[in-house]
Amino acid sequence: MTDTPPDRLSSNPRSPYYDAALLERGIGVRFKGAEKTNVEEYCVSEGWVRLTVGTTLDRKGNPMTIKLQGPVEPYFRTTP
């Protein structure tokens, strides 16, 4: 495994950017310098995060999300 987090990662198993092995290892995300714990998906190169909004669900049963623009800094919480 590398010590660099991927450019794009999602915690939704239906997403093409989902990676269970990386999520088990533990990925942390700093957005605009603040630690975020409710990140559903992020993209470093495009500079955005998708955050869950409370416990609200959409009509398909997925959590409601909001997409915010800004600097994204992913990191591994544990060593391999």
PDB file of N, CA and C in Angstrom:
ATOM      1  N   MET A   1       0.838  -1.192   0.000  1.00  0.00           N
ATOM      2  CA  MET A   1       0.000   0.000   0.000  1.00  0.00           C
ATOM      3  C   MET A   1       0.875   1.244   0.000  1.00  0.00           C
ATOM      4  N   THR A   2       0.353   2.301  -0.578  1.00  0.00           N
ATOM      5  CA  THR A   2       1.079   3.561  -0.619  1.00  0.00           C
ATOM      6  C   THR A   2       0.732   4.403   0.597  1.00  0.00           C
ATOM      7  N   ASP A   3       1.544   5.410   0.830  1.00  0.00           N
ATOM      8  CA  ASP A   3       1.280   6.327   1.938  1.00  0.00           C
ATOM      9  C   ASP A   3       0.520   7.563   1.480  1.00  0.00           C
ATOM     10  N   THR A   4       0.114   7.577   0.211  1.00  0.00           N
ATOM     11  CA  THR A   4      -0.637   8.697  -0.330  1.00  0.00           C
ATOM     12  C   THR A   4      -2.091   8.292  -0.530  1.00  0.00           C
ATOM     13  N   PRO A   5      -3.027   9.013   0.070  1.00  0.00           N
ATOM     14  CA  PRO A   5      -4.448   8.703  -0.151  1.00  0.00           C
ATOM     15  C   PRO A   5      -4.829   8.945  -1.612  1.00  0.00           C
ATOM     16  N   PRO A   6      -5.877   8.297  -2.099  1.00  0.00           N
ATOM     17  CA  PRO A   6      -6.290   8.492  -3.484  1.00  0.00           C
ATOM     18  C   PRO A   6      -6.835   9.902  -3.729  1.00  0.00           C
ATOM     19  N   ASP A   7      -6.837  10.299  -4.998  1.00  0.00           N
ATOM     20  CA  ASP A   7      -7.343  11.617  -5.378  1.00  0.00           C
ATOM     21  C   ASP A   7      -8.837  11.728  -5.109  1.00  0.00           C
ATOM     22  N   ARG A   8      -9.553  10.633  -5.294  1.00  0.00           N
ATOM     23  CA  ARG A   8     -10.997  10.641  -5.088  1.00  0.00           C
ATOM     24  C   ARG A   8     -11.405   9.361  -4.380  1.00  0.00           C
ATOM     25  N   LEU A   9     -12.275   9.476  -3.379  1.00  0.00           N
ATOM     26  CA  LEU A   9     -12.714   8.319  -2.604  1.00  0.00           C
ATOM     27  C   LEU A   9     -14.140   8.550  -2.124  1.00  0.00           C
ATOM     28  N   SER A  10     -14.931   7.479  -2.112  1.00  0.00           N
ATOM     29  CA  SER A  10     -16.308   7.539  -1.652  1.00  0.00           C
ATOM     30  C   SER A  10     -16.548   6.460  -0.611  1.00  0.00           C
ATOM     31  N   SER A  11     -17.420   6.722   0.333  1.00  0.00           N
ATOM     32  CA  SER A  11     -17.783   5.721   1.334  1.00  0.00           C
ATOM     33  C   SER A  11     -19.056   4.976   0.958  1.00  0.00           C
ATOM     34  N   ASN A  12     -19.633   5.295  -0.200  1.00  0.00           N
ATOM     35  CA  ASN A  12     -20.844   4.637  -0.684  1.00  0.00           C
ATOM     36  C   ASN A  12     -20.453   3.413  -1.514  1.00  0.00           C
ATOM     37  N   PRO A  13     -20.868   2.200  -1.125  1.00  0.00           N
ATOM     38  CA  PRO A  13     -20.484   0.992  -1.857  1.00  0.00           C
ATOM     39  C   PRO A  13     -20.954   0.965  -3.311  1.00  0.00           C
ATOM     40  N   ARG A  14     -21.948   1.740  -3.677  1.00  0.00           N
ATOM     41  CA  ARG A  14     -22.429   1.765  -5.056  1.00  0.00           C
ATOM     42  C   ARG A  14     -21.622   2.698  -5.955  1.00  0.00           C
ATOM     43  N   SER A  15     -20.700   3.444  -5.391  1.00  0.00           N
ATOM     44  CA  SER A  15     -19.901   4.391  -6.161  1.00  0.00           C
ATOM     45  C   SER A  15     -18.713   3.689  -6.823  1.00  0.00           C
ATOM     46  N   PRO A  16     -18.309   4.123  -8.019  1.00  0.00           N
ATOM     47  CA  PRO A  16     -17.112   3.542  -8.637  1.00  0.00           C
ATOM     48  C   PRO A  16     -15.826   3.944  -7.913  1.00  0.00           C
ATOM     49  N   TYR A  17     -15.877   4.920  -7.027  1.00  0.00           N
ATOM     50  CA  TYR A  17     -14.709   5.378  -6.279  1.00  0.00           C
ATOM     51  C   TYR A  17     -14.645   4.778  -4.873  1.00  0.00           C
ATOM     52  N   TYR A  18     -15.443   3.778  -4.596  1.00  0.00           N
ATOM     53  CA  TYR A  18     -15.463   3.099  -3.303  1.00  0.00           C
ATOM     54  C   TYR A  18     -14.291   2.119  -3.213  1.00  0.00           C
ATOM     55  N   ASP A  19     -13.589   2.105  -2.075  1.00  0.00           N
ATOM     56  CA  ASP A  19     -12.493   1.166  -1.848  1.00  0.00           C
ATOM     57  C   ASP A  19     -12.533   0.734  -0.381  1.00  0.00           C
ATOM     58  N   ALA A  20     -13.018  -0.477  -0.138  1.00  0.00           N
ATOM     59  CA  ALA A  20     -13.216  -0.965   1.226  1.00  0.00           C
ATOM     60  C   ALA A  20     -11.903  -1.075   1.985  1.00  0.00           C
ATOM     61  N   ALA A  21     -10.830  -1.502   1.315  1.00  0.00           N
ATOM     62  CA  ALA A  21      -9.540  -1.674   1.990  1.00  0.00           C
ATOM     63  C   ALA A  21      -9.012  -0.338   2.524  1.00  0.00           C
ATOM     64  N   LEU A  22      -9.133   0.705   1.746  1.00  0.00           N
ATOM     65  CA  LEU A  22      -8.681   2.021   2.208  1.00  0.00           C
ATOM     66  C   LEU A  22      -9.545   2.553   3.337  1.00  0.00           C
ATOM     67  N   LEU A  23     -10.842   2.315   3.260  1.00  0.00           N
ATOM     68  CA  LEU A  23     -11.734   2.792   4.319  1.00  0.00           C
ATOM     69  C   LEU A  23     -11.490   2.052   5.627  1.00  0.00           C
ATOM     70  N   GLU A  24     -11.135   0.775   5.552  1.00  0.00           N
ATOM     71  CA  GLU A  24     -10.803   0.016   6.763  1.00  0.00           C
ATOM     72  C   GLU A  24      -9.536   0.550   7.404  1.00  0.00           C
ATOM     73  N   ARG A  25      -8.592   0.943   6.570  1.00  0.00           N
ATOM     74  CA  ARG A  25      -7.333   1.497   7.083  1.00  0.00           C
ATOM     75  C   ARG A  25      -7.577   2.803   7.822  1.00  0.00           C
ATOM     76  N   GLY A  26      -8.544   3.568   7.379  1.00  0.00           N
ATOM     77  CA  GLY A  26      -8.895   4.816   8.057  1.00  0.00           C
ATOM     78  C   GLY A  26      -8.399   6.030   7.309  1.00  0.00           C
ATOM     79  N   ILE A  27      -9.315   6.778   6.738  1.00  0.00           N
ATOM     80  CA  ILE A  27      -8.995   7.997   6.008  1.00  0.00           C
ATOM     81  C   ILE A  27      -9.593   9.177   6.765  1.00  0.00           C
ATOM     82  N   GLY A  28      -8.777  10.172   7.034  1.00  0.00           N
ATOM     83  CA  GLY A  28      -9.250  11.415   7.628  1.00  0.00           C
ATOM     84  C   GLY A  28      -9.240  12.494   6.563  1.00  0.00           C
ATOM     85  N   VAL A  29     -10.110  13.478   6.710  1.00  0.00           N
ATOM     86  CA  VAL A  29     -10.195  14.555   5.724  1.00  0.00           C
ATOM     87  C   VAL A  29     -10.219  15.896   6.440  1.00  0.00           C
ATOM     88  N   ARG A  30      -9.303  16.777   6.027  1.00  0.00           N
ATOM     89  CA  ARG A  30      -9.330  18.165   6.472  1.00  0.00           C
ATOM     90  C   ARG A  30      -9.883  18.991   5.318  1.00  0.00           C
ATOM     91  N   PHE A  31     -10.910  19.760   5.597  1.00  0.00           N
ATOM     92  CA  PHE A  31     -11.522  20.625   4.591  1.00  0.00           C
ATOM     93  C   PHE A  31     -11.427  22.058   5.085  1.00  0.00           C
ATOM     94  N   LYS A  32     -10.724  22.890   4.341  1.00  0.00           N
ATOM     95  CA  LYS A  32     -10.469  24.281   4.722  1.00  0.00           C
ATOM     96  C   LYS A  32      -9.817  24.354   6.093  1.00  0.00           C
ATOM     97  N   GLY A  33      -8.944  23.393   6.391  1.00  0.00           N
ATOM     98  CA  GLY A  33      -8.195  23.390   7.636  1.00  0.00           C
ATOM     99  C   GLY A  33      -8.914  22.780   8.823  1.00  0.00           C
ATOM    100  N   ALA A  34     -10.171  22.384   8.676  1.00  0.00           N
ATOM    101  CA  ALA A  34     -10.937  21.799   9.781  1.00  0.00           C
ATOM    102  C   ALA A  34     -11.179  20.320   9.527  1.00  0.00           C
ATOM    103  N   GLU A  35     -11.057  19.515  10.579  1.00  0.00           N
ATOM    104  CA  GLU A  35     -11.300  18.079  10.486  1.00  0.00           C
ATOM    105  C   GLU A  35     -12.791  17.820  10.276  1.00  0.00           C
ATOM    106  N   LYS A  36     -13.128  17.037   9.258  1.00  0.00           N
ATOM    107  CA  LYS A  36     -14.524  16.687   8.978  1.00  0.00           C
ATOM    108  C   LYS A  36     -14.711  15.187   9.175  1.00  0.00           C
ATOM    109  N   THR A  37     -15.760  14.824   9.897  1.00  0.00           N
ATOM    110  CA  THR A  37     -16.037  13.414  10.166  1.00  0.00           C
ATOM    111  C   THR A  37     -17.248  12.899   9.403  1.00  0.00           C
ATOM    112  N   ASN A  38     -17.960  13.767   8.703  1.00  0.00           N
ATOM    113  CA  ASN A  38     -19.170  13.370   7.992  1.00  0.00           C
ATOM    114  C   ASN A  38     -18.984  13.417   6.474  1.00  0.00           C
ATOM    115  N   VAL A  39     -17.789  13.091   5.994  1.00  0.00           N
ATOM    116  CA  VAL A  39     -17.494  13.148   4.567  1.00  0.00           C
ATOM    117  C   VAL A  39     -18.004  11.882   3.889  1.00  0.00           C
ATOM    118  N   GLU A  40     -18.845  12.047   2.894  1.00  0.00           N
ATOM    119  CA  GLU A  40     -19.378  10.946   2.096  1.00  0.00           C
ATOM    120  C   GLU A  40     -18.453  10.653   0.915  1.00  0.00           C
ATOM    121  N   GLU A  41     -17.903  11.708   0.311  1.00  0.00           N
ATOM    122  CA  GLU A  41     -17.022  11.566  -0.841  1.00  0.00           C
ATOM    123  C   GLU A  41     -16.160  12.821  -0.934  1.00  0.00           C
ATOM    124  N   TYR A  42     -14.952  12.676  -1.487  1.00  0.00           N
ATOM    125  CA  TYR A  42     -14.098  13.840  -1.700  1.00  0.00           C
ATOM    126  C   TYR A  42     -13.326  13.702  -3.002  1.00  0.00           C
ATOM    127  N   CYS A  43     -12.858  14.831  -3.529  1.00  0.00           N
ATOM    128  CA  CYS A  43     -11.998  14.866  -4.708  1.00  0.00           C
ATOM    129  C   CYS A  43     -10.973  15.978  -4.503  1.00  0.00           C
ATOM    130  N   VAL A  44      -9.701  15.607  -4.427  1.00  0.00           N
ATOM    131  CA  VAL A  44      -8.640  16.581  -4.180  1.00  0.00           C
ATOM    132  C   VAL A  44      -8.388  17.444  -5.408  1.00  0.00           C
ATOM    133  N   SER A  45      -8.297  16.828  -6.591  1.00  0.00           N
ATOM    134  CA  SER A  45      -7.948  17.579  -7.797  1.00  0.00           C
ATOM    135  C   SER A  45      -9.016  18.600  -8.175  1.00  0.00           C
ATOM    136  N   GLU A  46     -10.280  18.303  -7.935  1.00  0.00           N
ATOM    137  CA  GLU A  46     -11.349  19.243  -8.245  1.00  0.00           C
ATOM    138  C   GLU A  46     -11.672  20.155  -7.065  1.00  0.00           C
ATOM    139  N   GLY A  47     -11.184  19.822  -5.860  1.00  0.00           N
ATOM    140  CA  GLY A  47     -11.351  20.675  -4.688  1.00  0.00           C
ATOM    141  C   GLY A  47     -12.750  20.721  -4.125  1.00  0.00           C
ATOM    142  N   TRP A  48     -13.351  19.555  -3.843  1.00  0.00           N
ATOM    143  CA  TRP A  48     -14.679  19.528  -3.241  1.00  0.00           C
ATOM    144  C   TRP A  48     -14.834  18.330  -2.313  1.00  0.00           C
ATOM    145  N   VAL A  49     -15.783  18.446  -1.398  1.00  0.00           N
ATOM    146  CA  VAL A  49     -16.198  17.350  -0.519  1.00  0.00           C
ATOM    147  C   VAL A  49     -17.713  17.271  -0.558  1.00  0.00           C
ATOM    148  N   ARG A  50     -18.235  16.088  -0.336  1.00  0.00           N
ATOM    149  CA  ARG A  50     -19.678  15.881  -0.217  1.00  0.00           C
ATOM    150  C   ARG A  50     -19.912  15.428   1.220  1.00  0.00           C
ATOM    151  N   LEU A  51     -20.640  16.252   1.979  1.00  0.00           N
ATOM    152  CA  LEU A  51     -20.884  15.995   3.399  1.00  0.00           C
ATOM    153  C   LEU A  51     -22.327  15.568   3.622  1.00  0.00           C
ATOM    154  N   THR A  52     -22.535  14.624   4.549  1.00  0.00           N
ATOM    155  CA  THR A  52     -23.889  14.227   4.902  1.00  0.00           C
ATOM    156  C   THR A  52     -24.506  15.317   5.775  1.00  0.00           C
ATOM    157  N   VAL A  53     -25.818  15.491   5.625  1.00  0.00           N
ATOM    158  CA  VAL A  53     -26.542  16.529   6.351  1.00  0.00           C
ATOM    159  C   VAL A  53     -27.467  15.849   7.349  1.00  0.00           C
ATOM    160  N   GLY A  54     -27.029  15.769   8.585  1.00  0.00           N
ATOM    161  CA  GLY A  54     -27.850  15.168   9.642  1.00  0.00           C
ATOM    162  C   GLY A  54     -28.178  13.716   9.362  1.00  0.00           C
ATOM    163  N   THR A  55     -29.380  13.302   9.746  1.00  0.00           N
ATOM    164  CA  THR A  55     -29.825  11.924   9.540  1.00  0.00           C
ATOM    165  C   THR A  55     -30.913  11.837   8.492  1.00  0.00           C
ATOM    166  N   THR A  56     -31.102  12.904   7.734  1.00  0.00           N
ATOM    167  CA  THR A  56     -32.144  12.963   6.718  1.00  0.00           C
ATOM    168  C   THR A  56     -31.801  12.057   5.538  1.00  0.00           C
ATOM    169  N   LEU A  57     -32.813  11.348   5.019  1.00  0.00           N
ATOM    170  CA  LEU A  57     -32.622  10.467   3.874  1.00  0.00           C
ATOM    171  C   LEU A  57     -33.421  10.982   2.684  1.00  0.00           C
ATOM    172  N   ASP A  58     -32.914  10.696   1.473  1.00  0.00           N
ATOM    173  CA  ASP A  58     -33.674  11.054   0.283  1.00  0.00           C
ATOM    174  C   ASP A  58     -34.697   9.960  -0.007  1.00  0.00           C
ATOM    175  N   ARG A  59     -35.432  10.079  -1.091  1.00  0.00           N
ATOM    176  CA  ARG A  59     -36.512   9.127  -1.372  1.00  0.00           C
ATOM    177  C   ARG A  59     -36.013   7.732  -1.733  1.00  0.00           C
ATOM    178  N   LYS A  60     -34.717   7.602  -2.044  1.00  0.00           N
ATOM    179  CA  LYS A  60     -34.137   6.291  -2.339  1.00  0.00           C
ATOM    180  C   LYS A  60     -33.459   5.671  -1.119  1.00  0.00           C
ATOM    181  N   GLY A  61     -33.487   6.357   0.006  1.00  0.00           N
ATOM    182  CA  GLY A  61     -32.904   5.833   1.239  1.00  0.00           C
ATOM    183  C   GLY A  61     -31.453   6.196   1.455  1.00  0.00           C
ATOM    184  N   ASN A  62     -30.898   7.059   0.603  1.00  0.00           N
ATOM    185  CA  ASN A  62     -29.515   7.505   0.749  1.00  0.00           C
ATOM    186  C   ASN A  62     -29.479   8.747   1.628  1.00  0.00           C
ATOM    187  N   PRO A  63     -28.367   8.952   2.350  1.00  0.00           N
ATOM    188  CA  PRO A  63     -28.286  10.168   3.173  1.00  0.00           C
ATOM    189  C   PRO A  63     -28.246  11.418   2.301  1.00  0.00           C
ATOM    190  N   MET A  64     -28.892  12.479   2.766  1.00  0.00           N
ATOM    191  CA  MET A  64     -28.857  13.764   2.065  1.00  0.00           C
ATOM    192  C   MET A  64     -27.449  14.330   2.203  1.00  0.00           C
ATOM    193  N   THR A  65     -26.927  14.898   1.120  1.00  0.00           N
ATOM    194  CA  THR A  65     -25.574  15.435   1.131  1.00  0.00           C
ATOM    195  C   THR A  65     -25.554  16.847   0.575  1.00  0.00           C
ATOM    196  N   ILE A  66     -24.470  17.542   0.887  1.00  0.00           N
ATOM    197  CA  ILE A  66     -24.222  18.873   0.352  1.00  0.00           C
ATOM    198  C   ILE A  66     -22.786  18.876  -0.169  1.00  0.00           C
ATOM    199  N   LYS A  67     -22.584  19.501  -1.327  1.00  0.00           N
ATOM    200  CA  LYS A  67     -21.268  19.551  -1.947  1.00  0.00           C
ATOM    201  C   LYS A  67     -20.662  20.930  -1.705  1.00  0.00           C
ATOM    202  N   LEU A  68     -19.472  20.955  -1.093  1.00  0.00           N
ATOM    203  CA  LEU A  68     -18.798  22.214  -0.786  1.00  0.00           C
ATOM    204  C   LEU A  68     -17.462  22.280  -1.516  1.00  0.00           C
ATOM    205  N   GLN A  69     -17.108  23.475  -1.980  1.00  0.00           N
ATOM    206  CA  GLN A  69     -15.855  23.696  -2.701  1.00  0.00           C
ATOM    207  C   GLN A  69     -14.809  24.277  -1.756  1.00  0.00           C
ATOM    208  N   GLY A  70     -13.549  23.841  -1.938  1.00  0.00           N
ATOM    209  CA  GLY A  70     -12.452  24.367  -1.136  1.00  0.00           C
ATOM    210  C   GLY A  70     -11.299  23.391  -1.105  1.00  0.00           C
ATOM    211  N   PRO A  71     -10.210  23.751  -0.414  1.00  0.00           N
ATOM    212  CA  PRO A  71      -9.043  22.869  -0.340  1.00  0.00           C
ATOM    213  C   PRO A  71      -9.336  21.624   0.500  1.00  0.00           C
ATOM    214  N   VAL A  72      -8.956  20.458  -0.038  1.00  0.00           N
ATOM    215  CA  VAL A  72      -9.196  19.163   0.603  1.00  0.00           C
ATOM    216  C   VAL A  72      -7.851  18.504   0.889  1.00  0.00           C
ATOM    217  N   GLU A  73      -7.657  18.027   2.115  1.00  0.00           N
ATOM    218  CA  GLU A  73      -6.414  17.359   2.508  1.00  0.00           C
ATOM    219  C   GLU A  73      -6.739  16.004   3.138  1.00  0.00           C
ATOM    220  N   PRO A  74      -6.739  14.911   2.360  1.00  0.00           N
ATOM    221  CA  PRO A  74      -6.957  13.590   2.951  1.00  0.00           C
ATOM    222  C   PRO A  74      -5.658  13.060   3.550  1.00  0.00           C
ATOM    223  N   TYR A  75      -5.777  12.209   4.571  1.00  0.00           N
ATOM    224  CA  TYR A  75      -4.612  11.594   5.198  1.00  0.00           C
ATOM    225  C   TYR A  75      -5.043  10.255   5.807  1.00  0.00           C
ATOM    226  N   PHE A  76      -4.063   9.379   6.016  1.00  0.00           N
ATOM    227  CA  PHE A  76      -4.341   8.093   6.663  1.00  0.00           C
ATOM    228  C   PHE A  76      -4.265   8.281   8.171  1.00  0.00           C
ATOM    229  N   ARG A  77      -5.237   7.733   8.883  1.00  0.00           N
ATOM    230  CA  ARG A  77      -5.259   7.852  10.343  1.00  0.00           C
ATOM    231  C   ARG A  77      -4.334   6.842  11.001  1.00  0.00           C
ATOM    232  N   THR A  78      -4.126   5.702  10.358  1.00  0.00           N
ATOM    233  CA  THR A  78      -3.243   4.678  10.909  1.00  0.00           C
ATOM    234  C   THR A  78      -2.168   4.324   9.897  1.00  0.00           C
ATOM    235  N   THR A  79      -1.094   3.735  10.370  1.00  0.00           N
ATOM    236  CA  THR A  79      -0.028   3.282   9.478  1.00  0.00           C
ATOM    237  C   THR A  79      -0.374   1.878   8.973  1.00  0.00           C
ATOM    238  N   PRO A  80       0.153   1.488   7.801  1.00  0.00           N
ATOM    239  CA  PRO A  80      -0.189   0.163   7.250  1.00  0.00           C
ATOM    240  C   PRO A  80       0.305  -0.992   8.085  1.00  0.00           C
TER     241      PRO A  80
END
